[in-house]
Every structure is written in structure tokens, then in C-alpha cells.
Amino acid sequence: MLTTTDMPPGRNLTAAAVIVVALVLQVSVANRLPLPGAVTPDLVLLTVVALALTGGPLTGAVAGFCAGLAADIIPPADHTIGRYALVYCLIGYICGLVSDEMTRSAVVPFLAVAAGALAGTLLYAGLGMMLGDPRSAWEIVRRIVPLQIVYDVLASPFVVWAVLRATRRFERDRGRDRFDLPVARYRTLSSRM
């Protein structure tokens, strides 16, 4: 597992770029889709889950907090600031805990997305109920949650694939030190002398 000091600087920039693209697509495309039930897939949540699955719990929590804070303030924000930041941070951390299981099973990303969508939607609605948001009534939540999960799971292969593709360059170098090969060559050459 990489720590923040071991992370390549390009990986942080790539994660930031992926989050910005997800926010723009969420606001300009996904929120305008005329889907049944007046519910849209949460591309930002899916991006946070994908970044958490590729980077681990720390990356998931930081990406979730940053993406959530941006989603809280980007128009058309009509809720209490900090709700998405808290929800995405927690979901990113929890999904990051299963990042080591990614290589063992092909089902893990889809289960993580489904669990993340369910937990994220319920947590966001629960926070809304605690804060007195009238759109978070139990009847509305009961109608929206199943549709939200279905839309998120249907959109997940595309979002997870795009995030994995964008961060793949840094995943190849994850397990080895970039100086391993030159040091080995140097030792081989020096032993011949």
C-alpha cells in the first residue's frame, strides 16, 4: 500500500483531473438525463469508489472529501455544505479498504460500487433527515434508493473503466521501486569489472 510520501506526484494530478471531469459530466450531462424516477447516476460517487479501489483507503478518503466538497459548492448546490464531503469521504475510505481484493476477484469492483451506491445514498439521505431536509423524507428515500443503485451499477463499468484506464500508468509502478532496474544493472556491470 502506498503512503502519501510514496505516491507519484502525477497520480495526484491524475486523480484531481478525473474528479474534475466527473464533476463536469455530472452537472452538464448526468443531471440533465430524462431517466425514469427523476434519479440520475452519481458519477462523482462512482469516481470516488474507483479511485479508492485503485489507491487504497487514504486516497479514497482524500479524493472523496475533495470531490464531495466540490460537489457541495458547485451549482446547482441546494443542500447544506459538507454533506457530500462527509458521505464521499466515508465511502472512499470504506471502499479503499477492499482495494487489495481487486486483483483476487473480478466481482469486487461491482460489489464495491453497489455497496458504495447503497451506503452513499442512505448516508446522504440520513444526514438530510437529521438536518431537516424535506427532500429526505422516508417515503422519498424508499422510492429513490433502488433506482439510484440500479443507475449507479449500470453506469459503473464505464466510470470504473475510465478511471482505471486513467490511473493504470501509475499502477504498473506500484509494486516496484523505479530505481530497481538501474541498480541491478549497475551491480551487474560493477561485478564484471
N, C-alpha and C. Protein backbone atom coordinates (compact mmCIF):
# COMPACT_ATOMS: atom_id res chain seq x y z
N MET A 1 0.84 -1.17 0.00
CA MET A 1 0.00 0.00 0.00
C MET A 1 0.89 1.24 0.00
N LEU A 2 0.59 2.18 -0.86
CA LEU A 2 1.36 3.40 -0.94
C LEU A 2 0.92 4.38 0.13
N THR A 3 1.87 5.08 0.69
CA THR A 3 1.53 6.18 1.57
C THR A 3 1.60 7.46 0.76
N THR A 4 1.23 8.57 1.38
CA THR A 4 1.23 9.82 0.64
C THR A 4 2.64 10.22 0.22
N THR A 5 3.66 9.82 0.96
CA THR A 5 5.01 10.17 0.57
C THR A 5 5.52 9.28 -0.55
N ASP A 6 4.94 8.07 -0.69
CA ASP A 6 5.38 7.16 -1.74
C ASP A 6 4.64 7.37 -3.06
N MET A 7 3.56 8.14 -3.05
CA MET A 7 2.75 8.31 -4.24
C MET A 7 3.48 9.14 -5.27
N PRO A 8 3.42 8.72 -6.52
CA PRO A 8 4.00 9.55 -7.56
C PRO A 8 3.19 10.84 -7.69
N PRO A 9 3.87 11.97 -7.92
CA PRO A 9 3.13 13.24 -7.99
C PRO A 9 2.12 13.26 -9.14
N GLY A 10 2.40 12.57 -10.21
CA GLY A 10 1.47 12.52 -11.33
C GLY A 10 0.17 11.82 -10.99
N ARG A 11 0.22 10.92 -10.04
CA ARG A 11 -1.01 10.21 -9.63
C ARG A 11 -1.99 11.16 -8.97
N ASN A 12 -1.49 12.07 -8.14
CA ASN A 12 -2.37 13.05 -7.50
C ASN A 12 -3.00 13.97 -8.53
N LEU A 13 -2.21 14.40 -9.49
CA LEU A 13 -2.75 15.26 -10.55
C LEU A 13 -3.76 14.52 -11.40
N THR A 14 -3.51 13.25 -11.67
CA THR A 14 -4.45 12.45 -12.44
C THR A 14 -5.75 12.28 -11.67
N ALA A 15 -5.67 12.02 -10.37
CA ALA A 15 -6.88 11.88 -9.56
C ALA A 15 -7.67 13.18 -9.54
N ALA A 16 -6.98 14.31 -9.42
CA ALA A 16 -7.67 15.60 -9.43
C ALA A 16 -8.35 15.84 -10.78
N ALA A 17 -7.67 15.51 -11.86
CA ALA A 17 -8.25 15.69 -13.19
C ALA A 17 -9.47 14.79 -13.39
N VAL A 18 -9.38 13.56 -12.91
CA VAL A 18 -10.51 12.63 -13.03
C VAL A 18 -11.71 13.14 -12.24
N ILE A 19 -11.48 13.69 -11.07
CA ILE A 19 -12.57 14.24 -10.25
C ILE A 19 -13.21 15.43 -10.95
N VAL A 20 -12.40 16.32 -11.51
CA VAL A 20 -12.94 17.48 -12.21
C VAL A 20 -13.79 17.05 -13.40
N VAL A 21 -13.30 16.08 -14.18
CA VAL A 21 -14.06 15.58 -15.32
C VAL A 21 -15.39 14.97 -14.85
N ALA A 22 -15.35 14.21 -13.76
CA ALA A 22 -16.57 13.60 -13.23
C ALA A 22 -17.57 14.67 -12.78
N LEU A 23 -17.09 15.72 -12.13
CA LEU A 23 -17.98 16.80 -11.70
C LEU A 23 -18.61 17.50 -12.89
N VAL A 24 -17.82 17.79 -13.91
CA VAL A 24 -18.36 18.46 -15.10
C VAL A 24 -19.38 17.58 -15.80
N LEU A 25 -19.07 16.29 -15.94
CA LEU A 25 -20.03 15.37 -16.57
C LEU A 25 -21.29 15.20 -15.74
N GLN A 26 -21.15 15.21 -14.42
CA GLN A 26 -22.32 15.08 -13.55
C GLN A 26 -23.26 16.26 -13.74
N VAL A 27 -22.70 17.47 -13.71
CA VAL A 27 -23.52 18.67 -13.78
C VAL A 27 -24.06 18.91 -15.19
N SER A 28 -23.23 18.70 -16.19
CA SER A 28 -23.64 19.06 -17.54
C SER A 28 -24.36 17.95 -18.31
N VAL A 29 -24.13 16.69 -17.95
CA VAL A 29 -24.74 15.59 -18.70
C VAL A 29 -25.68 14.76 -17.83
N ALA A 30 -25.16 14.16 -16.78
CA ALA A 30 -25.94 13.19 -16.00
C ALA A 30 -27.16 13.83 -15.34
N ASN A 31 -27.01 15.03 -14.79
CA ASN A 31 -28.15 15.67 -14.12
C ASN A 31 -29.25 16.07 -15.09
N ARG A 32 -28.95 16.10 -16.37
CA ARG A 32 -29.95 16.51 -17.37
C ARG A 32 -30.59 15.33 -18.10
N LEU A 33 -30.17 14.11 -17.75
CA LEU A 33 -30.75 12.94 -18.41
C LEU A 33 -32.19 12.74 -17.95
N PRO A 34 -33.10 12.52 -18.90
CA PRO A 34 -34.51 12.31 -18.51
C PRO A 34 -34.78 10.83 -18.19
N LEU A 35 -34.22 10.35 -17.10
CA LEU A 35 -34.38 8.96 -16.71
C LEU A 35 -35.65 8.77 -15.87
N PRO A 36 -36.24 7.60 -15.93
CA PRO A 36 -37.43 7.33 -15.12
C PRO A 36 -37.14 7.47 -13.62
N GLY A 37 -38.07 8.04 -12.92
CA GLY A 37 -37.93 8.20 -11.48
C GLY A 37 -37.25 9.49 -11.08
N ALA A 38 -36.86 10.31 -12.05
CA ALA A 38 -36.17 11.58 -11.79
C ALA A 38 -34.91 11.39 -10.96
N VAL A 39 -34.23 10.28 -11.18
CA VAL A 39 -32.98 9.96 -10.49
C VAL A 39 -31.89 9.81 -11.55
N THR A 40 -30.69 10.25 -11.24
CA THR A 40 -29.57 10.13 -12.18
C THR A 40 -28.42 9.37 -11.52
N PRO A 41 -27.57 8.76 -12.34
CA PRO A 41 -26.41 8.09 -11.74
C PRO A 41 -25.48 9.12 -11.12
N ASP A 42 -24.85 8.75 -10.03
CA ASP A 42 -23.92 9.64 -9.33
C ASP A 42 -22.51 9.34 -9.82
N LEU A 43 -22.10 10.04 -10.88
CA LEU A 43 -20.79 9.80 -11.48
C LEU A 43 -19.65 10.16 -10.54
N VAL A 44 -19.86 11.15 -9.70
CA VAL A 44 -18.81 11.56 -8.77
C VAL A 44 -18.59 10.47 -7.71
N LEU A 45 -19.66 9.91 -7.21
CA LEU A 45 -19.53 8.80 -6.25
C LEU A 45 -18.83 7.61 -6.88
N LEU A 46 -19.19 7.30 -8.12
CA LEU A 46 -18.54 6.18 -8.82
C LEU A 46 -17.06 6.46 -9.03
N THR A 47 -16.71 7.70 -9.31
CA THR A 47 -15.31 8.07 -9.48
C THR A 47 -14.54 7.93 -8.18
N VAL A 48 -15.15 8.35 -7.08
CA VAL A 48 -14.51 8.21 -5.77
C VAL A 48 -14.29 6.74 -5.44
N VAL A 49 -15.29 5.91 -5.71
CA VAL A 49 -15.16 4.47 -5.45
C VAL A 49 -14.03 3.89 -6.30
N ALA A 50 -13.97 4.26 -7.57
CA ALA A 50 -12.91 3.74 -8.45
C ALA A 50 -11.53 4.20 -8.00
N LEU A 51 -11.40 5.46 -7.62
CA LEU A 51 -10.11 5.95 -7.11
C LEU A 51 -9.73 5.24 -5.82
N ALA A 52 -10.71 4.97 -4.97
CA ALA A 52 -10.43 4.26 -3.72
C ALA A 52 -10.00 2.83 -4.00
N LEU A 53 -10.62 2.19 -4.98
CA LEU A 53 -10.26 0.81 -5.31
C LEU A 53 -8.86 0.73 -5.91
N THR A 54 -8.42 1.77 -6.59
CA THR A 54 -7.08 1.74 -7.18
C THR A 54 -6.01 2.28 -6.24
N GLY A 55 -6.39 3.15 -5.28
CA GLY A 55 -5.39 3.79 -4.46
C GLY A 55 -5.38 3.43 -3.00
N GLY A 56 -6.45 2.82 -2.50
CA GLY A 56 -6.50 2.45 -1.10
C GLY A 56 -7.32 3.42 -0.28
N PRO A 57 -7.38 3.18 1.04
CA PRO A 57 -8.26 3.97 1.89
C PRO A 57 -7.87 5.44 2.03
N LEU A 58 -6.59 5.74 2.08
CA LEU A 58 -6.17 7.15 2.21
C LEU A 58 -6.53 7.92 0.95
N THR A 59 -6.22 7.36 -0.19
CA THR A 59 -6.57 8.00 -1.46
C THR A 59 -8.07 8.14 -1.58
N GLY A 60 -8.81 7.11 -1.19
CA GLY A 60 -10.26 7.16 -1.26
C GLY A 60 -10.84 8.24 -0.37
N ALA A 61 -10.33 8.37 0.85
CA ALA A 61 -10.85 9.37 1.78
C ALA A 61 -10.53 10.79 1.30
N VAL A 62 -9.30 11.01 0.84
CA VAL A 62 -8.92 12.35 0.38
C VAL A 62 -9.67 12.70 -0.91
N ALA A 63 -9.72 11.77 -1.85
CA ALA A 63 -10.45 12.02 -3.10
C ALA A 63 -11.93 12.23 -2.80
N GLY A 64 -12.48 11.44 -1.88
CA GLY A 64 -13.88 11.59 -1.53
C GLY A 64 -14.17 12.93 -0.89
N PHE A 65 -13.31 13.36 0.00
CA PHE A 65 -13.54 14.66 0.64
C PHE A 65 -13.45 15.79 -0.37
N CYS A 66 -12.43 15.78 -1.21
CA CYS A 66 -12.26 16.85 -2.21
C CYS A 66 -13.40 16.85 -3.22
N ALA A 67 -13.76 15.68 -3.71
CA ALA A 67 -14.86 15.59 -4.67
C ALA A 67 -16.18 15.99 -4.02
N GLY A 68 -16.39 15.57 -2.79
CA GLY A 68 -17.62 15.93 -2.09
C GLY A 68 -17.72 17.41 -1.80
N LEU A 69 -16.62 18.02 -1.41
CA LEU A 69 -16.64 19.45 -1.14
C LEU A 69 -16.91 20.22 -2.43
N ALA A 70 -16.31 19.78 -3.52
CA ALA A 70 -16.58 20.43 -4.81
C ALA A 70 -18.04 20.23 -5.22
N ALA A 71 -18.59 19.04 -4.99
CA ALA A 71 -20.00 18.79 -5.32
C ALA A 71 -20.92 19.60 -4.41
N ASP A 72 -20.47 19.89 -3.21
CA ASP A 72 -21.28 20.70 -2.30
C ASP A 72 -21.40 22.15 -2.75
N ILE A 73 -20.37 22.68 -3.40
CA ILE A 73 -20.38 24.10 -3.74
C ILE A 73 -20.65 24.38 -5.21
N ILE A 74 -20.54 23.37 -6.07
CA ILE A 74 -20.76 23.61 -7.50
C ILE A 74 -22.27 23.75 -7.75
N PRO A 75 -22.65 24.74 -8.54
CA PRO A 75 -24.09 24.89 -8.83
C PRO A 75 -24.61 23.68 -9.57
N PRO A 76 -25.78 23.25 -9.38
CA PRO A 76 -26.88 23.77 -8.57
C PRO A 76 -26.91 23.16 -7.18
N ALA A 77 -26.03 23.58 -6.30
CA ALA A 77 -25.99 23.08 -4.92
C ALA A 77 -27.15 23.69 -4.14
N ASP A 78 -28.03 22.83 -3.65
CA ASP A 78 -29.20 23.31 -2.92
C ASP A 78 -29.35 22.56 -1.60
N HIS A 79 -28.24 22.25 -0.97
CA HIS A 79 -28.26 21.50 0.28
C HIS A 79 -27.19 22.07 1.20
N THR A 80 -27.13 21.56 2.39
CA THR A 80 -26.15 22.01 3.37
C THR A 80 -24.74 21.63 2.92
N ILE A 81 -23.85 22.60 2.94
CA ILE A 81 -22.47 22.35 2.52
C ILE A 81 -21.82 21.39 3.50
N GLY A 82 -21.16 20.39 2.98
CA GLY A 82 -20.46 19.41 3.78
C GLY A 82 -21.10 18.03 3.76
N ARG A 83 -22.34 17.93 3.30
CA ARG A 83 -23.00 16.62 3.28
C ARG A 83 -22.30 15.67 2.32
N TYR A 84 -22.08 16.11 1.09
CA TYR A 84 -21.40 15.25 0.13
C TYR A 84 -19.95 15.00 0.56
N ALA A 85 -19.29 16.01 1.12
CA ALA A 85 -17.90 15.83 1.55
C ALA A 85 -17.79 14.72 2.59
N LEU A 86 -18.69 14.71 3.55
CA LEU A 86 -18.67 13.67 4.58
C LEU A 86 -19.00 12.30 3.99
N VAL A 87 -20.06 12.25 3.18
CA VAL A 87 -20.50 10.97 2.61
C VAL A 87 -19.43 10.39 1.70
N TYR A 88 -18.91 11.18 0.77
CA TYR A 88 -17.91 10.67 -0.17
C TYR A 88 -16.61 10.30 0.52
N CYS A 89 -16.25 11.05 1.57
CA CYS A 89 -15.03 10.73 2.33
C CYS A 89 -15.17 9.36 3.00
N LEU A 90 -16.29 9.13 3.64
CA LEU A 90 -16.51 7.84 4.30
C LEU A 90 -16.60 6.69 3.29
N ILE A 91 -17.31 6.90 2.19
CA ILE A 91 -17.45 5.86 1.18
C ILE A 91 -16.09 5.58 0.54
N GLY A 92 -15.31 6.62 0.26
CA GLY A 92 -13.98 6.42 -0.31
C GLY A 92 -13.07 5.63 0.61
N TYR A 93 -13.13 5.94 1.90
CA TYR A 93 -12.30 5.20 2.86
C TYR A 93 -12.72 3.73 2.93
N ILE A 94 -14.02 3.49 3.05
CA ILE A 94 -14.52 2.11 3.20
C ILE A 94 -14.22 1.29 1.94
N CYS A 95 -14.46 1.88 0.77
CA CYS A 95 -14.17 1.14 -0.47
C CYS A 95 -12.66 0.95 -0.66
N GLY A 96 -11.87 1.87 -0.15
CA GLY A 96 -10.42 1.73 -0.23
C GLY A 96 -9.89 0.57 0.60
N LEU A 97 -10.63 0.20 1.62
CA LEU A 97 -10.22 -0.93 2.46
C LEU A 97 -10.21 -2.25 1.69
N VAL A 98 -11.02 -2.35 0.64
CA VAL A 98 -11.07 -3.59 -0.15
C VAL A 98 -10.22 -3.49 -1.41
N SER A 99 -9.37 -2.47 -1.51
CA SER A 99 -8.56 -2.30 -2.72
C SER A 99 -7.59 -3.45 -2.94
N ASP A 100 -7.14 -4.10 -1.88
CA ASP A 100 -6.23 -5.23 -2.03
C ASP A 100 -6.92 -6.44 -2.65
N GLU A 101 -8.24 -6.50 -2.54
CA GLU A 101 -9.01 -7.62 -3.10
C GLU A 101 -9.25 -7.47 -4.60
N MET A 102 -8.89 -6.32 -5.17
CA MET A 102 -9.15 -6.06 -6.59
C MET A 102 -8.49 -7.09 -7.49
N THR A 103 -7.30 -7.53 -7.16
CA THR A 103 -6.59 -8.47 -8.03
C THR A 103 -7.06 -9.91 -7.84
N ARG A 104 -7.75 -10.18 -6.75
CA ARG A 104 -8.18 -11.55 -6.47
C ARG A 104 -9.50 -11.92 -7.11
N SER A 105 -10.36 -10.93 -7.39
CA SER A 105 -11.68 -11.24 -7.92
C SER A 105 -12.14 -10.12 -8.84
N ALA A 106 -12.76 -10.49 -9.95
CA ALA A 106 -13.29 -9.51 -10.88
C ALA A 106 -14.63 -8.97 -10.42
N VAL A 107 -15.24 -9.59 -9.44
CA VAL A 107 -16.55 -9.19 -8.94
C VAL A 107 -16.44 -8.06 -7.91
N VAL A 108 -15.28 -7.91 -7.29
CA VAL A 108 -15.09 -6.95 -6.21
C VAL A 108 -15.43 -5.52 -6.64
N PRO A 109 -14.99 -5.03 -7.80
CA PRO A 109 -15.34 -3.65 -8.16
C PRO A 109 -16.85 -3.43 -8.25
N PHE A 110 -17.57 -4.39 -8.80
CA PHE A 110 -19.01 -4.21 -8.94
C PHE A 110 -19.72 -4.30 -7.60
N LEU A 111 -19.26 -5.18 -6.73
CA LEU A 111 -19.84 -5.24 -5.38
C LEU A 111 -19.52 -3.97 -4.60
N ALA A 112 -18.30 -3.46 -4.77
CA ALA A 112 -17.92 -2.22 -4.08
C ALA A 112 -18.75 -1.05 -4.59
N VAL A 113 -19.00 -1.00 -5.89
CA VAL A 113 -19.82 0.07 -6.43
C VAL A 113 -21.25 -0.04 -5.91
N ALA A 114 -21.81 -1.24 -5.93
CA ALA A 114 -23.18 -1.42 -5.44
C ALA A 114 -23.28 -1.07 -3.96
N ALA A 115 -22.33 -1.57 -3.17
CA ALA A 115 -22.33 -1.26 -1.73
C ALA A 115 -22.08 0.22 -1.49
N GLY A 116 -21.17 0.82 -2.27
CA GLY A 116 -20.90 2.25 -2.14
C GLY A 116 -22.10 3.09 -2.52
N ALA A 117 -22.81 2.69 -3.59
CA ALA A 117 -24.00 3.42 -4.01
C ALA A 117 -25.10 3.32 -2.95
N LEU A 118 -25.29 2.14 -2.42
CA LEU A 118 -26.31 1.95 -1.39
C LEU A 118 -25.96 2.74 -0.13
N ALA A 119 -24.74 2.57 0.34
CA ALA A 119 -24.32 3.26 1.57
C ALA A 119 -24.29 4.77 1.37
N GLY A 120 -23.80 5.23 0.22
CA GLY A 120 -23.75 6.66 -0.05
C GLY A 120 -25.12 7.29 -0.11
N THR A 121 -26.05 6.64 -0.79
CA THR A 121 -27.41 7.18 -0.91
C THR A 121 -28.10 7.19 0.45
N LEU A 122 -27.97 6.09 1.20
CA LEU A 122 -28.60 6.04 2.52
C LEU A 122 -27.97 7.02 3.50
N LEU A 123 -26.65 7.15 3.46
CA LEU A 123 -25.97 8.08 4.36
C LEU A 123 -26.33 9.53 4.04
N TYR A 124 -26.38 9.85 2.75
CA TYR A 124 -26.76 11.20 2.35
C TYR A 124 -28.19 11.51 2.77
N ALA A 125 -29.10 10.55 2.57
CA ALA A 125 -30.49 10.74 2.98
C ALA A 125 -30.61 10.82 4.50
N GLY A 126 -29.85 9.98 5.21
CA GLY A 126 -29.88 10.01 6.67
C GLY A 126 -29.40 11.35 7.22
N LEU A 127 -28.33 11.88 6.62
CA LEU A 127 -27.86 13.21 7.04
C LEU A 127 -28.91 14.27 6.74
N GLY A 128 -29.59 14.13 5.60
CA GLY A 128 -30.65 15.07 5.27
C GLY A 128 -31.79 15.02 6.27
N MET A 129 -32.14 13.80 6.71
CA MET A 129 -33.21 13.66 7.72
C MET A 129 -32.79 14.31 9.04
N MET A 130 -31.53 14.11 9.41
CA MET A 130 -31.04 14.70 10.66
C MET A 130 -31.01 16.22 10.59
N LEU A 131 -30.74 16.76 9.40
CA LEU A 131 -30.66 18.21 9.23
C LEU A 131 -32.01 18.83 8.89
N GLY A 132 -33.05 18.01 8.74
CA GLY A 132 -34.38 18.53 8.48
C GLY A 132 -34.66 18.86 7.03
N ASP A 133 -33.95 18.25 6.09
CA ASP A 133 -34.19 18.47 4.66
C ASP A 133 -35.51 17.80 4.27
N PRO A 134 -36.48 18.56 3.75
CA PRO A 134 -37.78 17.96 3.41
C PRO A 134 -37.70 16.95 2.26
N ARG A 135 -36.66 17.02 1.46
CA ARG A 135 -36.49 16.06 0.35
C ARG A 135 -35.96 14.72 0.84
N SER A 136 -35.65 14.61 2.10
CA SER A 136 -35.12 13.37 2.66
C SER A 136 -36.13 12.63 3.50
N ALA A 137 -37.40 12.78 3.17
CA ALA A 137 -38.43 12.04 3.89
C ALA A 137 -38.32 10.56 3.55
N TRP A 138 -38.73 9.70 4.47
CA TRP A 138 -38.57 8.25 4.30
C TRP A 138 -39.28 7.74 3.05
N GLU A 139 -40.43 8.29 2.71
CA GLU A 139 -41.17 7.84 1.53
C GLU A 139 -40.39 8.13 0.25
N ILE A 140 -39.77 9.29 0.20
CA ILE A 140 -38.97 9.66 -0.97
C ILE A 140 -37.72 8.80 -1.05
N VAL A 141 -37.06 8.61 0.07
CA VAL A 141 -35.83 7.80 0.10
C VAL A 141 -36.12 6.36 -0.31
N ARG A 142 -37.24 5.81 0.15
CA ARG A 142 -37.61 4.43 -0.18
C ARG A 142 -37.85 4.26 -1.68
N ARG A 143 -38.33 5.31 -2.34
CA ARG A 143 -38.58 5.26 -3.77
C ARG A 143 -37.29 5.48 -4.58
N ILE A 144 -36.42 6.33 -4.07
CA ILE A 144 -35.23 6.74 -4.83
C ILE A 144 -34.08 5.74 -4.71
N VAL A 145 -33.86 5.16 -3.55
CA VAL A 145 -32.69 4.31 -3.31
C VAL A 145 -32.56 3.16 -4.30
N PRO A 146 -33.61 2.38 -4.57
CA PRO A 146 -33.43 1.28 -5.53
C PRO A 146 -33.06 1.77 -6.94
N LEU A 147 -33.70 2.86 -7.38
CA LEU A 147 -33.37 3.40 -8.71
C LEU A 147 -31.94 3.93 -8.74
N GLN A 148 -31.54 4.61 -7.69
CA GLN A 148 -30.18 5.17 -7.62
C GLN A 148 -29.14 4.05 -7.71
N ILE A 149 -29.36 2.97 -7.02
CA ILE A 149 -28.42 1.85 -7.05
C ILE A 149 -28.38 1.22 -8.43
N VAL A 150 -29.54 1.04 -9.04
CA VAL A 150 -29.59 0.44 -10.40
C VAL A 150 -28.84 1.33 -11.38
N TYR A 151 -29.10 2.62 -11.36
CA TYR A 151 -28.42 3.54 -12.29
C TYR A 151 -26.91 3.58 -12.03
N ASP A 152 -26.53 3.58 -10.77
CA ASP A 152 -25.09 3.60 -10.45
C ASP A 152 -24.40 2.33 -10.91
N VAL A 153 -25.03 1.19 -10.70
CA VAL A 153 -24.43 -0.08 -11.12
C VAL A 153 -24.36 -0.16 -12.64
N LEU A 154 -25.38 0.36 -13.34
CA LEU A 154 -25.35 0.35 -14.80
C LEU A 154 -24.28 1.29 -15.36
N ALA A 155 -24.05 2.39 -14.69
CA ALA A 155 -23.03 3.34 -15.14
C ALA A 155 -21.63 2.95 -14.68
N SER A 156 -21.53 2.08 -13.69
CA SER A 156 -20.23 1.77 -13.08
C SER A 156 -19.20 1.17 -14.04
N PRO A 157 -19.56 0.26 -14.96
CA PRO A 157 -18.50 -0.26 -15.83
C PRO A 157 -17.79 0.82 -16.63
N PHE A 158 -18.54 1.81 -17.06
CA PHE A 158 -17.95 2.88 -17.86
C PHE A 158 -17.07 3.79 -17.02
N VAL A 159 -17.56 4.17 -15.85
CA VAL A 159 -16.80 5.08 -14.99
C VAL A 159 -15.58 4.38 -14.41
N VAL A 160 -15.76 3.18 -13.89
CA VAL A 160 -14.64 2.45 -13.30
C VAL A 160 -13.59 2.15 -14.37
N TRP A 161 -14.02 1.77 -15.56
CA TRP A 161 -13.07 1.51 -16.65
C TRP A 161 -12.29 2.77 -16.99
N ALA A 162 -12.97 3.92 -17.09
CA ALA A 162 -12.30 5.17 -17.43
C ALA A 162 -11.28 5.57 -16.36
N VAL A 163 -11.66 5.41 -15.09
CA VAL A 163 -10.74 5.77 -14.01
C VAL A 163 -9.56 4.80 -13.98
N LEU A 164 -9.82 3.52 -14.13
CA LEU A 164 -8.73 2.54 -14.16
C LEU A 164 -7.79 2.82 -15.33
N ARG A 165 -8.34 3.18 -16.45
CA ARG A 165 -7.53 3.49 -17.63
C ARG A 165 -6.66 4.72 -17.39
N ALA A 166 -7.24 5.74 -16.74
CA ALA A 166 -6.50 6.97 -16.47
C ALA A 166 -5.39 6.76 -15.45
N THR A 167 -5.62 5.88 -14.48
CA THR A 167 -4.62 5.68 -13.42
C THR A 167 -3.75 4.45 -13.65
N ARG A 168 -3.94 3.74 -14.72
CA ARG A 168 -3.21 2.49 -14.96
C ARG A 168 -1.70 2.70 -15.04
N ARG A 169 -1.29 3.80 -15.59
CA ARG A 169 0.14 4.07 -15.74
C ARG A 169 0.85 4.05 -14.40
N PHE A 170 0.19 4.53 -13.35
CA PHE A 170 0.81 4.58 -12.03
C PHE A 170 0.67 3.27 -11.29
N GLU A 171 -0.30 2.44 -11.67
CA GLU A 171 -0.48 1.15 -11.02
C GLU A 171 0.63 0.17 -11.40
N ARG A 172 1.16 0.29 -12.62
CA ARG A 172 2.23 -0.62 -13.03
C ARG A 172 3.48 -0.45 -12.19
N ASP A 173 3.72 0.78 -11.74
CA ASP A 173 4.91 1.05 -10.94
C ASP A 173 4.67 0.89 -9.45
N ARG A 174 3.47 0.50 -9.06
CA ARG A 174 3.10 0.45 -7.64
C ARG A 174 3.97 -0.50 -6.83
N GLY A 175 4.24 -1.67 -7.35
CA GLY A 175 4.92 -2.67 -6.56
C GLY A 175 6.43 -2.64 -6.63
N ARG A 176 7.00 -1.83 -7.49
CA ARG A 176 8.45 -1.84 -7.59
C ARG A 176 9.00 -0.43 -7.52
N ASP A 177 10.18 -0.35 -7.07
CA ASP A 177 10.87 0.94 -6.98
C ASP A 177 11.38 1.28 -8.37
N ARG A 178 11.25 2.54 -8.75
CA ARG A 178 11.66 2.90 -10.11
C ARG A 178 13.18 2.82 -10.29
N PHE A 179 13.92 2.70 -9.20
CA PHE A 179 15.37 2.59 -9.30
C PHE A 179 15.86 1.16 -9.24
N ASP A 180 14.96 0.19 -9.12
CA ASP A 180 15.37 -1.20 -9.03
C ASP A 180 16.16 -1.66 -10.25
N LEU A 181 15.67 -1.38 -11.42
CA LEU A 181 16.32 -1.85 -12.63
C LEU A 181 17.70 -1.23 -12.83
N PRO A 182 17.88 0.08 -12.74
CA PRO A 182 19.22 0.65 -12.89
C PRO A 182 20.20 0.15 -11.82
N VAL A 183 19.75 -0.04 -10.59
CA VAL A 183 20.64 -0.54 -9.53
C VAL A 183 21.10 -1.95 -9.87
N ALA A 184 20.17 -2.78 -10.36
CA ALA A 184 20.53 -4.15 -10.72
C ALA A 184 21.53 -4.14 -11.87
N ARG A 185 21.33 -3.27 -12.85
CA ARG A 185 22.28 -3.18 -13.97
C ARG A 185 23.64 -2.71 -13.48
N TYR A 186 23.64 -1.72 -12.59
CA TYR A 186 24.88 -1.19 -12.07
C TYR A 186 25.65 -2.28 -11.33
N ARG A 187 24.95 -3.06 -10.51
CA ARG A 187 25.63 -4.14 -9.78
C ARG A 187 26.18 -5.17 -10.73
N THR A 188 25.42 -5.51 -11.78
CA THR A 188 25.90 -6.47 -12.75
C THR A 188 27.16 -5.96 -13.47
N LEU A 189 27.10 -4.70 -13.88
CA LEU A 189 28.25 -4.12 -14.57
C LEU A 189 29.45 -4.00 -13.65
N SER A 190 29.23 -3.62 -12.39
CA SER A 190 30.35 -3.45 -11.48
C SER A 190 30.97 -4.77 -11.08
N SER A 191 30.20 -5.86 -11.10
CA SER A 191 30.77 -7.16 -10.74
C SER A 191 31.65 -7.70 -11.87
N ARG A 192 31.41 -7.25 -13.08
CA ARG A 192 32.23 -7.69 -14.22
C ARG A 192 33.58 -7.03 -14.23
N MET A 193 33.70 -5.92 -13.57
CA MET A 193 34.96 -5.16 -13.64
C MET A 193 35.99 -5.71 -12.74
